[in-house]
Amino acid sequence: MEETRLEILRSEIDRIDDSIVALLEKRLEVARQIALVDWKKPVFDQVRQKTILKRLHEQFPEMDNKALTAIYDEIMKMCRAVYKE
């Protein structure tokens, strides 16, 4: 019984992971579109990054701030890389 529940929960984690990666792909596509439009501005906008993180920390206060910041630092780094493509 417990093993069946574990498999169900792991399947749910797999579906969530698939959704996360699909959303990351969408974010990268939007970053590519921004790269085409916004080419005169710097790639890294520290004010914008801080604004995004502040909004997310406020919207999801139960999340660990350090972990969320680390995750978003990587996401933003990945998105900034499309400007160099």
N, C-alpha and C. Protein backbone atom coordinates (compact mmCIF):
# COMPACT_ATOMS: atom_id res chain seq x y z
N MET A 1 0.82 -1.20 0.00
CA MET A 1 0.00 0.00 0.00
C MET A 1 0.87 1.27 0.00
N GLU A 2 1.85 1.32 0.89
CA GLU A 2 2.74 2.49 0.97
C GLU A 2 3.54 2.66 -0.31
N GLU A 3 3.96 1.54 -0.90
CA GLU A 3 4.75 1.62 -2.13
C GLU A 3 3.91 2.19 -3.28
N THR A 4 2.64 1.83 -3.34
CA THR A 4 1.75 2.37 -4.36
C THR A 4 1.59 3.88 -4.18
N ARG A 5 1.42 4.30 -2.95
CA ARG A 5 1.30 5.74 -2.66
C ARG A 5 2.57 6.47 -3.04
N LEU A 6 3.71 5.87 -2.74
CA LEU A 6 5.00 6.47 -3.10
C LEU A 6 5.11 6.62 -4.61
N GLU A 7 4.72 5.62 -5.35
CA GLU A 7 4.77 5.69 -6.82
C GLU A 7 3.85 6.79 -7.35
N ILE A 8 2.66 6.91 -6.76
CA ILE A 8 1.73 7.96 -7.17
C ILE A 8 2.34 9.33 -6.91
N LEU A 9 2.93 9.50 -5.74
CA LEU A 9 3.54 10.79 -5.40
C LEU A 9 4.74 11.09 -6.30
N ARG A 10 5.53 10.07 -6.60
CA ARG A 10 6.67 10.27 -7.50
C ARG A 10 6.20 10.63 -8.90
N SER A 11 5.11 10.04 -9.35
CA SER A 11 4.56 10.38 -10.65
C SER A 11 4.11 11.84 -10.68
N GLU A 12 3.54 12.29 -9.58
CA GLU A 12 3.12 13.69 -9.48
C GLU A 12 4.34 14.61 -9.53
N ILE A 13 5.40 14.24 -8.85
CA ILE A 13 6.66 15.02 -8.91
C ILE A 13 7.16 15.07 -10.35
N ASP A 14 7.11 13.95 -11.07
CA ASP A 14 7.54 13.92 -12.46
C ASP A 14 6.72 14.89 -13.31
N ARG A 15 5.40 14.92 -13.11
CA ARG A 15 4.53 15.83 -13.87
C ARG A 15 4.87 17.29 -13.53
N ILE A 16 5.12 17.56 -12.27
CA ILE A 16 5.49 18.92 -11.86
C ILE A 16 6.82 19.32 -12.50
N ASP A 17 7.80 18.41 -12.47
CA ASP A 17 9.09 18.69 -13.10
C ASP A 17 8.93 18.99 -14.58
N ASP A 18 8.09 18.21 -15.26
CA ASP A 18 7.84 18.46 -16.68
C ASP A 18 7.25 19.85 -16.88
N SER A 19 6.34 20.24 -16.01
CA SER A 19 5.72 21.57 -16.10
C SER A 19 6.75 22.67 -15.86
N ILE A 20 7.61 22.48 -14.89
CA ILE A 20 8.64 23.47 -14.59
C ILE A 20 9.54 23.68 -15.80
N VAL A 21 10.00 22.59 -16.40
CA VAL A 21 10.89 22.70 -17.55
C VAL A 21 10.17 23.33 -18.74
N ALA A 22 8.91 22.98 -18.95
CA ALA A 22 8.14 23.60 -20.04
C ALA A 22 8.02 25.11 -19.82
N LEU A 23 7.80 25.53 -18.58
CA LEU A 23 7.73 26.97 -18.28
C LEU A 23 9.08 27.64 -18.46
N LEU A 24 10.16 26.95 -18.12
CA LEU A 24 11.49 27.51 -18.36
C LEU A 24 11.73 27.71 -19.85
N GLU A 25 11.30 26.75 -20.66
CA GLU A 25 11.42 26.91 -22.11
C GLU A 25 10.65 28.14 -22.59
N LYS A 26 9.45 28.35 -22.06
CA LYS A 26 8.66 29.53 -22.43
C LYS A 26 9.38 30.81 -22.01
N ARG A 27 9.97 30.80 -20.81
CA ARG A 27 10.69 31.99 -20.33
C ARG A 27 11.88 32.28 -21.24
N LEU A 28 12.58 31.24 -21.67
CA LEU A 28 13.71 31.42 -22.58
C LEU A 28 13.26 31.99 -23.92
N GLU A 29 12.12 31.54 -24.41
CA GLU A 29 11.60 32.06 -25.68
C GLU A 29 11.28 33.55 -25.55
N VAL A 30 10.68 33.95 -24.46
CA VAL A 30 10.38 35.37 -24.24
C VAL A 30 11.68 36.16 -24.13
N ALA A 31 12.68 35.59 -23.45
CA ALA A 31 13.99 36.26 -23.35
C ALA A 31 14.59 36.45 -24.74
N ARG A 32 14.44 35.45 -25.61
CA ARG A 32 14.93 35.58 -26.99
C ARG A 32 14.22 36.72 -27.72
N GLN A 33 12.92 36.83 -27.50
CA GLN A 33 12.15 37.91 -28.13
C GLN A 33 12.60 39.26 -27.60
N ILE A 34 12.86 39.35 -26.30
CA ILE A 34 13.36 40.59 -25.70
C ILE A 34 14.72 40.94 -26.30
N ALA A 35 15.55 39.94 -26.50
CA ALA A 35 16.88 40.18 -27.07
C ALA A 35 16.77 40.83 -28.44
N LEU A 36 15.73 40.50 -29.19
CA LEU A 36 15.55 41.08 -30.52
C LEU A 36 15.04 42.51 -30.46
N VAL A 37 14.25 42.82 -29.44
CA VAL A 37 13.62 44.13 -29.33
C VAL A 37 14.45 45.11 -28.51
N ASP A 38 15.07 44.63 -27.47
CA ASP A 38 15.64 45.47 -26.43
C ASP A 38 17.16 45.53 -26.53
N TRP A 39 17.71 45.49 -27.72
CA TRP A 39 19.14 45.34 -27.89
C TRP A 39 19.97 46.54 -27.46
N LYS A 40 19.38 47.70 -27.27
CA LYS A 40 20.15 48.89 -26.89
C LYS A 40 20.38 48.97 -25.38
N LYS A 41 19.64 48.19 -24.63
CA LYS A 41 19.75 48.24 -23.17
C LYS A 41 20.68 47.13 -22.68
N PRO A 42 21.25 47.29 -21.48
CA PRO A 42 22.13 46.25 -20.95
C PRO A 42 21.35 44.95 -20.71
N VAL A 43 22.05 43.85 -20.88
CA VAL A 43 21.44 42.54 -20.67
C VAL A 43 21.07 42.36 -19.20
N PHE A 44 21.96 42.76 -18.32
CA PHE A 44 21.73 42.58 -16.89
C PHE A 44 21.18 43.87 -16.30
N ASP A 45 19.97 43.79 -15.79
CA ASP A 45 19.32 44.93 -15.14
C ASP A 45 19.13 44.57 -13.68
N GLN A 46 20.03 45.03 -12.84
CA GLN A 46 20.02 44.68 -11.42
C GLN A 46 18.74 45.13 -10.73
N VAL A 47 18.22 46.29 -11.10
CA VAL A 47 16.98 46.79 -10.49
C VAL A 47 15.83 45.86 -10.84
N ARG A 48 15.75 45.46 -12.11
CA ARG A 48 14.70 44.53 -12.55
C ARG A 48 14.80 43.20 -11.81
N GLN A 49 16.01 42.68 -11.68
CA GLN A 49 16.20 41.40 -10.99
C GLN A 49 15.76 41.51 -9.53
N LYS A 50 16.14 42.59 -8.87
CA LYS A 50 15.73 42.78 -7.47
C LYS A 50 14.22 42.91 -7.35
N THR A 51 13.60 43.59 -8.30
CA THR A 51 12.15 43.75 -8.30
C THR A 51 11.45 42.40 -8.44
N ILE A 52 11.94 41.58 -9.35
CA ILE A 52 11.36 40.25 -9.55
C ILE A 52 11.48 39.42 -8.27
N LEU A 53 12.67 39.41 -7.69
CA LEU A 53 12.89 38.61 -6.48
C LEU A 53 12.04 39.11 -5.32
N LYS A 54 11.93 40.41 -5.17
CA LYS A 54 11.10 40.98 -4.10
C LYS A 54 9.65 40.55 -4.26
N ARG A 55 9.15 40.63 -5.50
CA ARG A 55 7.76 40.23 -5.78
C ARG A 55 7.55 38.75 -5.46
N LEU A 56 8.49 37.91 -5.86
CA LEU A 56 8.36 36.47 -5.61
C LEU A 56 8.44 36.16 -4.11
N HIS A 57 9.35 36.82 -3.40
CA HIS A 57 9.46 36.59 -1.95
C HIS A 57 8.18 37.01 -1.24
N GLU A 58 7.58 38.10 -1.70
CA GLU A 58 6.32 38.55 -1.09
C GLU A 58 5.16 37.64 -1.44
N GLN A 59 5.16 37.15 -2.67
CA GLN A 59 4.07 36.29 -3.14
C GLN A 59 4.14 34.89 -2.54
N PHE A 60 5.35 34.42 -2.24
CA PHE A 60 5.54 33.07 -1.70
C PHE A 60 6.39 33.14 -0.42
N PRO A 61 5.85 33.72 0.64
CA PRO A 61 6.65 33.92 1.86
C PRO A 61 7.07 32.61 2.55
N GLU A 62 6.38 31.51 2.25
CA GLU A 62 6.73 30.24 2.87
C GLU A 62 7.99 29.61 2.26
N MET A 63 8.39 30.12 1.10
CA MET A 63 9.59 29.59 0.44
C MET A 63 10.83 30.16 1.12
N ASP A 64 11.86 29.35 1.19
CA ASP A 64 13.13 29.80 1.74
C ASP A 64 13.72 30.87 0.82
N ASN A 65 13.96 32.07 1.37
CA ASN A 65 14.44 33.20 0.57
C ASN A 65 15.76 32.92 -0.13
N LYS A 66 16.69 32.31 0.59
CA LYS A 66 18.01 32.03 -0.01
C LYS A 66 17.88 31.04 -1.16
N ALA A 67 17.08 30.01 -0.96
CA ALA A 67 16.91 29.00 -2.00
C ALA A 67 16.23 29.59 -3.23
N LEU A 68 15.17 30.36 -3.01
CA LEU A 68 14.45 30.97 -4.13
C LEU A 68 15.36 31.94 -4.89
N THR A 69 16.14 32.70 -4.17
CA THR A 69 17.09 33.62 -4.81
C THR A 69 18.12 32.85 -5.62
N ALA A 70 18.64 31.77 -5.09
CA ALA A 70 19.63 30.96 -5.81
C ALA A 70 19.03 30.36 -7.08
N ILE A 71 17.82 29.86 -6.98
CA ILE A 71 17.15 29.29 -8.15
C ILE A 71 16.95 30.36 -9.21
N TYR A 72 16.46 31.53 -8.79
CA TYR A 72 16.22 32.59 -9.77
C TYR A 72 17.49 33.19 -10.32
N ASP A 73 18.55 33.20 -9.55
CA ASP A 73 19.84 33.65 -10.09
C ASP A 73 20.23 32.77 -11.28
N GLU A 74 20.05 31.46 -11.13
CA GLU A 74 20.38 30.53 -12.22
C GLU A 74 19.43 30.69 -13.41
N ILE A 75 18.15 30.85 -13.13
CA ILE A 75 17.18 31.03 -14.21
C ILE A 75 17.51 32.30 -14.99
N MET A 76 17.80 33.37 -14.29
CA MET A 76 18.11 34.64 -14.95
C MET A 76 19.43 34.56 -15.72
N LYS A 77 20.39 33.84 -15.17
CA LYS A 77 21.66 33.65 -15.87
C LYS A 77 21.41 32.88 -17.18
N MET A 78 20.58 31.87 -17.12
CA MET A 78 20.24 31.08 -18.30
C MET A 78 19.54 31.95 -19.34
N CYS A 79 18.65 32.80 -18.89
CA CYS A 79 17.92 33.68 -19.82
C CYS A 79 18.83 34.75 -20.40
N ARG A 80 19.76 35.27 -19.61
CA ARG A 80 20.69 36.28 -20.13
C ARG A 80 21.59 35.67 -21.22
N ALA A 81 21.84 34.38 -21.12
CA ALA A 81 22.71 33.73 -22.11
C ALA A 81 22.12 33.77 -23.51
N VAL A 82 20.79 33.86 -23.63
CA VAL A 82 20.18 33.90 -24.97
C VAL A 82 20.50 35.21 -25.68
N TYR A 83 20.86 36.24 -24.94
CA TYR A 83 21.24 37.49 -25.58
C TYR A 83 22.53 37.34 -26.38
N LYS A 84 23.31 36.33 -26.01
CA LYS A 84 24.60 36.12 -26.67
C LYS A 84 24.49 35.15 -27.83
N GLU A 85 23.32 34.53 -28.01
CA GLU A 85 23.14 33.56 -29.10
C GLU A 85 23.19 34.23 -30.45
